[in-house]
C-alpha cells in the first residue's frame, strides 16, 4: 500500500510546540521533579541531581521545528457506505450436443487500484514525519489496518492507494442444446466517514528552566520530551474525514441465453 501527500485547505493548525507547552503546565511539580531526577540519574548527571531545587514550568521552551509523530487510534463516526458491482469478466458457453452436458471452466484474473483519503480539519504547524496506523471501516472486510510512514506538515492530508489482484475459477455445466452467459462481478464498497485520531510526539527535546539549590540561581537544561512527559501528555486529538473505496468480494451469475446452435 502506498501513501501519498497532497495539499488541502485547512482553517486551523495544531502548533505542536504550543500544545506541548500547554500540557507541560498541567503537570504537578512533584511529578516533574521526579521525572527530571530519574532522567539525570539514568545519564549519570549526579551533580545536577544534587543541584536541582525546582522546575520553572512557565519558562520552559519547546523549540523543535520538526517532530516524529505516531498517528493511531482512529475512531469513526457515522460511516456512510455504498456498494457497486462491476463486471470483471464474462463468457458465453454453447452446448450443441443433443445428448451430453458440456463441462466448462469459467476463469479470469482481475486487477484494480483502490484508495482512501484522510483529510484533516487541522494542519500541523510544525513539520513532522509521521508513522500512521489506521484501521479502515471497509465494506465487506472490517478492521483492515494500513500502516506506513509519511511526511506530514501544515495544511496537508494523506491518501493511500492499494493494488489488488483477484483470481477466480468456477466449473459450469451447460445442458444439451442450451447456452449460458457467465458473468463475473467484483463488488466495490465506497465509504465516507468522519474520524478522530490520536497524534503522539515520539521525539524532540525541551529546554527546561530549573531553579538551583542555595545561591546558584537558575539554569536552562535540555531534556528529552519523552523523559519529562508521559504518552498521554504528549498526545493530541486530530479530526477529519475519510473517503475511499475498496474491492470487497467477487461473485458469479449464470444466465440462459438464446443462441443459434449449429
C-alpha atoms as a PDB file:
ATOM      1  CA  UNK A   1       0.000   0.000   0.000  1.00  0.00           C
ATOM      2  CA  UNK A   2       1.362   3.411  -0.998  1.00  0.00           C
ATOM      3  CA  UNK A   3       0.795   6.646   0.880  1.00  0.00           C
ATOM      4  CA  UNK A   4       0.748   9.976  -0.918  1.00  0.00           C
ATOM      5  CA  UNK A   5       0.607  13.518   0.433  1.00  0.00           C
ATOM      6  CA  UNK A   6      -1.458  16.257  -1.124  1.00  0.00           C
ATOM      7  CA  UNK A   7      -2.205  19.810  -0.057  1.00  0.00           C
ATOM      8  CA  UNK A   8      -5.654  20.709   1.211  1.00  0.00           C
ATOM      9  CA  UNK A   9      -7.009  23.934   2.614  1.00  0.00           C
ATOM     10  CA  UNK A  10      -7.353  23.890   6.392  1.00  0.00           C
ATOM     11  CA  UNK A  11      -8.602  26.705   8.571  1.00  0.00           C
ATOM     12  CA  UNK A  12      -6.856  25.577  11.758  1.00  0.00           C
ATOM     13  CA  UNK A  13      -3.387  24.428  12.636  1.00  0.00           C
ATOM     14  CA  UNK A  14      -2.083  22.422  15.537  1.00  0.00           C
ATOM     15  CA  UNK A  15       1.133  24.054  16.748  1.00  0.00           C
ATOM     16  CA  UNK A  16       2.852  21.113  18.403  1.00  0.00           C
ATOM     17  CA  UNK A  17       5.262  23.292  20.382  1.00  0.00           C
ATOM     18  CA  UNK A  18       2.427  25.372  21.804  1.00  0.00           C
ATOM     19  CA  UNK A  19       0.326  22.292  22.531  1.00  0.00           C
ATOM     20  CA  UNK A  20       3.216  20.606  24.364  1.00  0.00           C
ATOM     21  CA  UNK A  21       3.864  23.767  26.382  1.00  0.00           C
ATOM     22  CA  UNK A  22       0.228  23.967  27.499  1.00  0.00           C
ATOM     23  CA  UNK A  23       0.185  20.346  28.600  1.00  0.00           C
ATOM     24  CA  UNK A  24       3.510  20.777  30.397  1.00  0.00           C
ATOM     25  CA  UNK A  25       1.925  23.468  32.572  1.00  0.00           C
ATOM     26  CA  UNK A  26      -0.649  20.968  33.851  1.00  0.00           C
ATOM     27  CA  UNK A  27       1.920  18.534  35.288  1.00  0.00           C
ATOM     28  CA  UNK A  28       2.426  18.916  39.026  1.00  0.00           C
ATOM     29  CA  UNK A  29       5.811  19.947  40.413  1.00  0.00           C
ATOM     30  CA  UNK A  30       6.452  16.697  42.286  1.00  0.00           C
ATOM     31  CA  UNK A  31       5.956  14.639  39.135  1.00  0.00           C
ATOM     32  CA  UNK A  32       8.218  16.890  37.074  1.00  0.00           C
ATOM     33  CA  UNK A  33      10.940  16.797  39.713  1.00  0.00           C
ATOM     34  CA  UNK A  34      10.841  13.009  39.890  1.00  0.00           C
ATOM     35  CA  UNK A  35      10.993  12.664  36.112  1.00  0.00           C
ATOM     36  CA  UNK A  36      13.918  15.063  35.925  1.00  0.00           C
ATOM     37  CA  UNK A  37      15.767  13.204  38.684  1.00  0.00           C
ATOM     38  CA  UNK A  38      15.094   9.840  37.020  1.00  0.00           C
ATOM     39  CA  UNK A  39      16.443  11.055  33.688  1.00  0.00           C
ATOM     40  CA  UNK A  40      19.503  12.788  35.155  1.00  0.00           C
ATOM     41  CA  UNK A  41      20.289   9.696  37.198  1.00  0.00           C
ATOM     42  CA  UNK A  42      19.994   7.494  34.102  1.00  0.00           C
ATOM     43  CA  UNK A  43      22.661   9.525  32.290  1.00  0.00           C
ATOM     44  CA  UNK A  44      24.936   9.765  35.333  1.00  0.00           C
ATOM     45  CA  UNK A  45      24.416  13.502  35.941  1.00  0.00           C
ATOM     46  CA  UNK A  46      24.596  13.145  39.719  1.00  0.00           C
ATOM     47  CA  UNK A  47      25.776  16.711  40.341  1.00  0.00           C
ATOM     48  CA  UNK A  48      22.745  18.093  38.537  1.00  0.00           C
ATOM     49  CA  UNK A  49      20.510  15.879  40.646  1.00  0.00           C
ATOM     50  CA  UNK A  50      22.136  17.355  43.755  1.00  0.00           C
ATOM     51  CA  UNK A  51      21.711  20.926  42.458  1.00  0.00           C
ATOM     52  CA  UNK A  52      18.096  20.660  41.325  1.00  0.00           C
ATOM     53  CA  UNK A  53      15.615  22.561  43.500  1.00  0.00           C
ATOM     54  CA  UNK A  54      12.548  23.148  41.286  1.00  0.00           C
ATOM     55  CA  UNK A  55      11.213  23.151  37.734  1.00  0.00           C
ATOM     56  CA  UNK A  56      10.101  26.546  36.403  1.00  0.00           C
ATOM     57  CA  UNK A  57       7.286  25.394  34.114  1.00  0.00           C
ATOM     58  CA  UNK A  58       6.324  28.849  32.863  1.00  0.00           C
ATOM     59  CA  UNK A  59       9.789  29.417  31.382  1.00  0.00           C
ATOM     60  CA  UNK A  60      10.020  26.034  29.679  1.00  0.00           C
ATOM     61  CA  UNK A  61      10.629  26.235  25.923  1.00  0.00           C
ATOM     62  CA  UNK A  62       9.546  23.710  23.310  1.00  0.00           C
ATOM     63  CA  UNK A  63      11.542  24.756  20.284  1.00  0.00           C
ATOM     64  CA  UNK A  64      11.769  21.885  17.776  1.00  0.00           C
ATOM     65  CA  UNK A  65      10.893  22.681  14.152  1.00  0.00           C
ATOM     66  CA  UNK A  66      10.302  19.000  13.356  1.00  0.00           C
ATOM     67  CA  UNK A  67       8.981  16.023  15.302  1.00  0.00           C
ATOM     68  CA  UNK A  68       8.460  12.346  14.698  1.00  0.00           C
ATOM     69  CA  UNK A  69       4.806  11.527  15.279  1.00  0.00           C
ATOM     70  CA  UNK A  70       2.686   8.412  15.525  1.00  0.00           C
ATOM     71  CA  UNK A  71      -0.910   8.744  14.322  1.00  0.00           C
ATOM     72  CA  UNK A  72      -3.086   5.919  15.661  1.00  0.00           C
ATOM     73  CA  UNK A  73      -6.366   5.031  17.355  1.00  0.00           C
ATOM     74  CA  UNK A  74      -8.656   6.105  14.541  1.00  0.00           C
ATOM     75  CA  UNK A  75     -12.285   6.147  15.635  1.00  0.00           C
ATOM     76  CA  UNK A  76     -15.067   6.798  13.175  1.00  0.00           C
ATOM     77  CA  UNK A  77     -18.410   8.494  13.404  1.00  0.00           C
ATOM     78  CA  UNK A  78     -21.345   7.520  11.224  1.00  0.00           C
ATOM     79  CA  UNK A  79     -19.942   5.583   8.276  1.00  0.00           C
ATOM     80  CA  UNK A  80     -21.776   6.142   5.011  1.00  0.00           C
ATOM     81  CA  UNK A  81     -21.355   3.075   2.820  1.00  0.00           C
ATOM     82  CA  UNK A  82     -22.470   2.222  -0.687  1.00  0.00           C
ATOM     83  CA  UNK A  83     -21.919  -0.836  -2.870  1.00  0.00           C
ATOM     84  CA  UNK A  84     -21.484  -1.008  -6.623  1.00  0.00           C
ATOM     85  CA  UNK A  85     -20.926  -4.107  -8.739  1.00  0.00           C
ATOM     86  CA  UNK A  86     -18.646  -4.009 -11.784  1.00  0.00           C
ATOM     87  CA  UNK A  87     -18.367  -6.652 -14.487  1.00  0.00           C
ATOM     88  CA  UNK A  88     -14.883  -8.119 -14.306  1.00  0.00           C
ATOM     89  CA  UNK A  89     -15.256 -10.805 -16.987  1.00  0.00           C
ATOM     90  CA  UNK A  90     -17.938 -12.639 -18.957  1.00  0.00           C
ATOM     91  CA  UNK A  91     -18.126 -15.667 -21.258  1.00  0.00           C
ATOM     92  CA  UNK A  92     -20.861 -17.382 -23.238  1.00  0.00           C
ATOM     93  CA  UNK A  93     -20.844 -21.186 -23.457  1.00  0.00           C
ATOM     94  CA  UNK A  94     -22.938 -23.031 -26.062  1.00  0.00           C
ATOM     95  CA  UNK A  95     -23.575 -26.771 -25.974  1.00  0.00           C
ATOM     96  CA  UNK A  96     -24.594 -28.083 -29.422  1.00  0.00           C
ATOM     97  CA  UNK A  97     -24.718 -31.680 -28.286  1.00  0.00           C
ATOM     98  CA  UNK A  98     -28.251 -33.141 -28.138  1.00  0.00           C
ATOM     99  CA  UNK A  99     -27.234 -35.708 -25.549  1.00  0.00           C
ATOM    100  CA  UNK A 100     -24.217 -34.765 -23.438  1.00  0.00           C
ATOM    101  CA  UNK A 101     -23.784 -31.869 -20.999  1.00  0.00           C
ATOM    102  CA  UNK A 102     -20.860 -29.516 -21.550  1.00  0.00           C
ATOM    103  CA  UNK A 103     -18.427 -29.065 -18.694  1.00  0.00           C
ATOM    104  CA  UNK A 104     -16.743 -25.662 -18.984  1.00  0.00           C
ATOM    105  CA  UNK A 105     -14.320 -23.772 -16.782  1.00  0.00           C
ATOM    106  CA  UNK A 106     -15.037 -20.094 -16.213  1.00  0.00           C
ATOM    107  CA  UNK A 107     -11.878 -18.329 -15.037  1.00  0.00           C
ATOM    108  CA  UNK A 108     -10.462 -14.843 -15.018  1.00  0.00           C
ATOM    109  CA  UNK A 109      -7.910 -12.563 -13.407  1.00  0.00           C
ATOM    110  CA  UNK A 110      -8.805  -9.007 -12.485  1.00  0.00           C
ATOM    111  CA  UNK A 111      -6.589  -6.211 -11.160  1.00  0.00           C
ATOM    112  CA  UNK A 112      -7.558  -2.803  -9.821  1.00  0.00           C
ATOM    113  CA  UNK A 113      -6.375   0.024  -7.600  1.00  0.00           C
ATOM    114  CA  UNK A 114      -8.384   1.451  -4.737  1.00  0.00           C
ATOM    115  CA  UNK A 115      -7.613   4.291  -2.408  1.00  0.00           C
ATOM    116  CA  UNK A 116      -8.534   6.082   0.776  1.00  0.00           C
ATOM    117  CA  UNK A 117      -8.073   9.774   1.505  1.00  0.00           C
ATOM    118  CA  UNK A 118      -7.674  11.160   5.031  1.00  0.00           C
ATOM    119  CA  UNK A 119      -8.433  14.885   5.130  1.00  0.00           C
ATOM    120  CA  UNK A 120      -7.681  16.620   8.425  1.00  0.00           C
ATOM    121  CA  UNK A 121      -9.622  19.593   9.716  1.00  0.00           C
ATOM    122  CA  UNK A 122      -6.372  20.820  11.300  1.00  0.00           C
ATOM    123  CA  UNK A 123      -2.928  21.063   9.799  1.00  0.00           C
ATOM    124  CA  UNK A 124       0.320  20.710  11.713  1.00  0.00           C
ATOM    125  CA  UNK A 125       2.207  23.972  12.101  1.00  0.00           C
ATOM    126  CA  UNK A 126       5.459  22.201  12.948  1.00  0.00           C
ATOM    127  CA  UNK A 127       6.840  19.949  10.234  1.00  0.00           C
ATOM    128  CA  UNK A 128       6.721  16.295  11.129  1.00  0.00           C
ATOM    129  CA  UNK A 129       7.463  12.794   9.979  1.00  0.00           C
ATOM    130  CA  UNK A 130       4.518  10.657  10.946  1.00  0.00           C
ATOM    131  CA  UNK A 131       4.016   6.956  11.235  1.00  0.00           C
ATOM    132  CA  UNK A 132       0.405   6.071  10.541  1.00  0.00           C
ATOM    133  CA  UNK A 133      -1.558   3.066  11.760  1.00  0.00           C
ATOM    134  CA  UNK A 134      -5.191   3.278  10.759  1.00  0.00           C
ATOM    135  CA  UNK A 135      -7.968   0.731  10.842  1.00  0.00           C
ATOM    136  CA  UNK A 136     -10.390   1.226   7.992  1.00  0.00           C
ATOM    137  CA  UNK A 137     -14.151   0.633   8.268  1.00  0.00           C
ATOM    138  CA  UNK A 138     -14.277  -1.073   4.886  1.00  0.00           C
ATOM    139  CA  UNK A 139     -17.290  -2.726   3.357  1.00  0.00           C
ATOM    140  CA  UNK A 140     -17.012  -6.496   3.430  1.00  0.00           C
ATOM    141  CA  UNK A 141     -13.607  -6.502   5.113  1.00  0.00           C
ATOM    142  CA  UNK A 142     -13.812  -4.929   8.559  1.00  0.00           C
ATOM    143  CA  UNK A 143     -10.802  -3.956  10.653  1.00  0.00           C
ATOM    144  CA  UNK A 144      -8.343  -3.731   7.794  1.00  0.00           C
ATOM    145  CA  UNK A 145      -5.271  -1.891   9.054  1.00  0.00           C
ATOM    146  CA  UNK A 146      -2.927   0.206   6.959  1.00  0.00           C
ATOM    147  CA  UNK A 147       0.444   1.333   8.224  1.00  0.00           C
ATOM    148  CA  UNK A 148       3.170   3.437   6.678  1.00  0.00           C
ATOM    149  CA  UNK A 149       5.401   6.422   7.256  1.00  0.00           C
ATOM    150  CA  UNK A 150       4.511   9.744   5.686  1.00  0.00           C
ATOM    151  CA  UNK A 151       5.963  13.227   5.583  1.00  0.00           C
ATOM    152  CA  UNK A 152       3.289  15.322   7.221  1.00  0.00           C
ATOM    153  CA  UNK A 153       3.293  19.093   7.581  1.00  0.00           C
ATOM    154  CA  UNK A 154       0.894  22.009   7.735  1.00  0.00           C
ATOM    155  CA  UNK A 155      -2.251  22.069   5.596  1.00  0.00           C
ATOM    156  CA  UNK A 156      -1.888  18.541   4.333  1.00  0.00           C
ATOM    157  CA  UNK A 157      -3.753  15.294   4.168  1.00  0.00           C
ATOM    158  CA  UNK A 158      -2.601  11.878   3.133  1.00  0.00           C
ATOM    159  CA  UNK A 159      -4.065   9.222   0.902  1.00  0.00           C
ATOM    160  CA  UNK A 160      -3.419   5.553   0.326  1.00  0.00           C
ATOM    161  CA  UNK A 161      -3.525   3.501  -2.833  1.00  0.00           C
ATOM    162  CA  UNK A 162      -3.769  -0.255  -2.813  1.00  0.00           C
ATOM    163  CA  UNK A 163      -3.352  -2.657  -5.738  1.00  0.00           C
ATOM    164  CA  UNK A 164      -5.348  -5.865  -5.591  1.00  0.00           C
ATOM    165  CA  UNK A 165      -5.500  -8.866  -7.888  1.00  0.00           C
ATOM    166  CA  UNK A 166      -8.369 -11.323  -7.988  1.00  0.00           C
ATOM    167  CA  UNK A 167      -8.209 -14.816  -9.493  1.00  0.00           C
ATOM    168  CA  UNK A 168     -11.422 -16.750  -9.961  1.00  0.00           C
ATOM    169  CA  UNK A 169     -12.259 -20.214 -11.282  1.00  0.00           C
ATOM    170  CA  UNK A 170     -15.619 -21.980 -11.381  1.00  0.00           C
ATOM    171  CA  UNK A 171     -16.893 -25.102 -13.135  1.00  0.00           C
ATOM    172  CA  UNK A 172     -20.018 -24.572 -15.252  1.00  0.00           C
ATOM    173  CA  UNK A 173     -22.299 -27.298 -16.564  1.00  0.00           C
ATOM    174  CA  UNK A 174     -24.246 -26.470 -19.748  1.00  0.00           C
ATOM    175  CA  UNK A 175     -27.210 -28.708 -20.550  1.00  0.00           C
ATOM    176  CA  UNK A 176     -27.572 -30.215 -24.042  1.00  0.00           C
ATOM    177  CA  UNK A 177     -28.745 -27.803 -26.750  1.00  0.00           C
ATOM    178  CA  UNK A 178     -28.562 -24.770 -24.480  1.00  0.00           C
ATOM    179  CA  UNK A 179     -26.316 -21.763 -23.994  1.00  0.00           C
ATOM    180  CA  UNK A 180     -25.446 -19.772 -20.907  1.00  0.00           C
ATOM    181  CA  UNK A 181     -23.705 -16.500 -20.208  1.00  0.00           C
ATOM    182  CA  UNK A 182     -21.449 -16.496 -17.154  1.00  0.00           C
ATOM    183  CA  UNK A 183     -20.687 -13.072 -15.681  1.00  0.00           C
ATOM    184  CA  UNK A 184     -18.047 -12.459 -13.038  1.00  0.00           C
ATOM    185  CA  UNK A 185     -18.672  -9.386 -10.876  1.00  0.00           C
ATOM    186  CA  UNK A 186     -16.480  -7.583  -8.394  1.00  0.00           C
ATOM    187  CA  UNK A 187     -18.236  -5.641  -5.653  1.00  0.00           C
ATOM    188  CA  UNK A 188     -16.780  -2.227  -4.786  1.00  0.00           C
ATOM    189  CA  UNK A 189     -17.505  -0.639  -1.444  1.00  0.00           C
ATOM    190  CA  UNK A 190     -17.337   3.148  -1.110  1.00  0.00           C
ATOM    191  CA  UNK A 191     -17.039   4.770   2.294  1.00  0.00           C
ATOM    192  CA  UNK A 192     -17.257   8.251   3.751  1.00  0.00           C
ATOM    193  CA  UNK A 193     -16.839   8.841   7.476  1.00  0.00           C
ATOM    194  CA  UNK A 194     -15.679  11.491   9.969  1.00  0.00           C
ATOM    195  CA  UNK A 195     -12.876  10.406  12.280  1.00  0.00           C
ATOM    196  CA  UNK A 196     -10.848  11.319  15.328  1.00  0.00           C
ATOM    197  CA  UNK A 197      -7.318  10.057  15.804  1.00  0.00           C
ATOM    198  CA  UNK A 198      -4.542  10.255  18.357  1.00  0.00           C
ATOM    199  CA  UNK A 199      -1.276  12.019  17.485  1.00  0.00           C
ATOM    200  CA  UNK A 200       1.662  11.254  19.774  1.00  0.00           C
ATOM    201  CA  UNK A 201       5.007  13.070  19.796  1.00  0.00           C
ATOM    202  CA  UNK A 202       7.799  10.484  19.773  1.00  0.00           C
ATOM    203  CA  UNK A 203      10.987  12.527  19.957  1.00  0.00           C
ATOM    204  CA  UNK A 204      12.394  16.006  20.417  1.00  0.00           C
ATOM    205  CA  UNK A 205      13.918  17.956  23.275  1.00  0.00           C
ATOM    206  CA  UNK A 206      12.620  20.587  25.654  1.00  0.00           C
ATOM    207  CA  UNK A 207      14.602  23.414  27.244  1.00  0.00           C
ATOM    208  CA  UNK A 208      13.639  23.381  30.913  1.00  0.00           C
ATOM    209  CA  UNK A 209      14.326  26.320  33.214  1.00  0.00           C
ATOM    210  CA  UNK A 210      15.394  24.959  36.609  1.00  0.00           C
ATOM    211  CA  UNK A 211      15.938  26.581  39.983  1.00  0.00           C
ATOM    212  CA  UNK A 212      19.159  25.517  41.649  1.00  0.00           C
ATOM    213  CA  UNK A 213      19.740  24.969  45.339  1.00  0.00           C
ATOM    214  CA  UNK A 214      21.471  27.539  47.503  1.00  0.00           C
ATOM    215  CA  UNK A 215      22.538  30.745  45.814  1.00  0.00           C
ATOM    216  CA  UNK A 216      23.273  29.177  42.427  1.00  0.00           C
ATOM    217  CA  UNK A 217      20.302  30.866  40.786  1.00  0.00           C
ATOM    218  CA  UNK A 218      18.696  29.418  37.675  1.00  0.00           C
ATOM    219  CA  UNK A 219      19.825  27.430  34.662  1.00  0.00           C
ATOM    220  CA  UNK A 220      18.387  26.019  31.421  1.00  0.00           C
ATOM    221  CA  UNK A 221      18.774  22.278  30.912  1.00  0.00           C
ATOM    222  CA  UNK A 222      17.836  20.194  27.886  1.00  0.00           C
ATOM    223  CA  UNK A 223      15.674  17.124  28.486  1.00  0.00           C
ATOM    224  CA  UNK A 224      14.081  14.692  26.032  1.00  0.00           C
ATOM    225  CA  UNK A 225      10.366  15.399  25.723  1.00  0.00           C
ATOM    226  CA  UNK A 226       9.660  11.703  26.337  1.00  0.00           C
ATOM    227  CA  UNK A 227      11.546  11.847  29.642  1.00  0.00           C
ATOM    228  CA  UNK A 228       9.503  14.747  31.012  1.00  0.00           C
ATOM    229  CA  UNK A 229       6.053  13.917  29.620  1.00  0.00           C
ATOM    230  CA  UNK A 230       4.007  10.727  29.592  1.00  0.00           C
ATOM    231  CA  UNK A 231       2.492   9.220  26.451  1.00  0.00           C
ATOM    232  CA  UNK A 232      -0.863  10.803  27.256  1.00  0.00           C
ATOM    233  CA  UNK A 233       0.669  14.223  27.986  1.00  0.00           C
ATOM    234  CA  UNK A 234       2.391  14.371  24.599  1.00  0.00           C
ATOM    235  CA  UNK A 235      -0.637  13.135  22.686  1.00  0.00           C
ATOM    236  CA  UNK A 236      -3.293  15.189  20.947  1.00  0.00           C
ATOM    237  CA  UNK A 237      -6.530  14.582  19.098  1.00  0.00           C
ATOM    238  CA  UNK A 238      -6.979  15.457  15.435  1.00  0.00           C
ATOM    239  CA  UNK A 239     -10.173  15.094  13.449  1.00  0.00           C
ATOM    240  CA  UNK A 240     -11.010  14.820   9.801  1.00  0.00           C
ATOM    241  CA  UNK A 241     -12.870  12.858   7.172  1.00  0.00           C
ATOM    242  CA  UNK A 242     -12.090   9.572   5.438  1.00  0.00           C
ATOM    243  CA  UNK A 243     -13.312   8.803   1.941  1.00  0.00           C
ATOM    244  CA  UNK A 244     -12.330   5.918  -0.267  1.00  0.00           C
ATOM    245  CA  UNK A 245     -13.153   2.684  -1.989  1.00  0.00           C
ATOM    246  CA  UNK A 246     -12.215  -0.957  -1.640  1.00  0.00           C
ATOM    247  CA  UNK A 247     -12.838  -4.105  -3.677  1.00  0.00           C
ATOM    248  CA  UNK A 248     -14.722  -6.228  -1.175  1.00  0.00           C
ATOM    249  CA  UNK A 249     -15.675  -9.502  -2.862  1.00  0.00           C
ATOM    250  CA  UNK A 250     -16.434 -11.296  -6.135  1.00  0.00           C
ATOM    251  CA  UNK A 251     -19.414 -13.337  -7.273  1.00  0.00           C
ATOM    252  CA  UNK A 252     -20.792 -15.021 -10.416  1.00  0.00           C
ATOM    253  CA  UNK A 253     -24.155 -15.062 -12.160  1.00  0.00           C
ATOM    254  CA  UNK A 254     -25.171 -17.651 -14.763  1.00  0.00           C
ATOM    255  CA  UNK A 255     -27.861 -16.562 -17.228  1.00  0.00           C
ATOM    256  CA  UNK A 256     -29.539 -18.575 -20.011  1.00  0.00           C
ATOM    257  CA  UNK A 257     -29.180 -17.069 -23.476  1.00  0.00           C
ATOM    258  CA  UNK A 258     -30.774 -17.741 -26.824  1.00  0.00           C
ATOM    259  CA  UNK A 259     -28.066 -18.703 -29.293  1.00  0.00           C
ATOM    260  CA  UNK A 260     -28.394 -20.423 -32.638  1.00  0.00           C
ATOM    261  CA  UNK A 261     -26.712 -23.794 -32.262  1.00  0.00           C
ATOM    262  CA  UNK A 262     -25.096 -25.444 -35.282  1.00  0.00           C
END
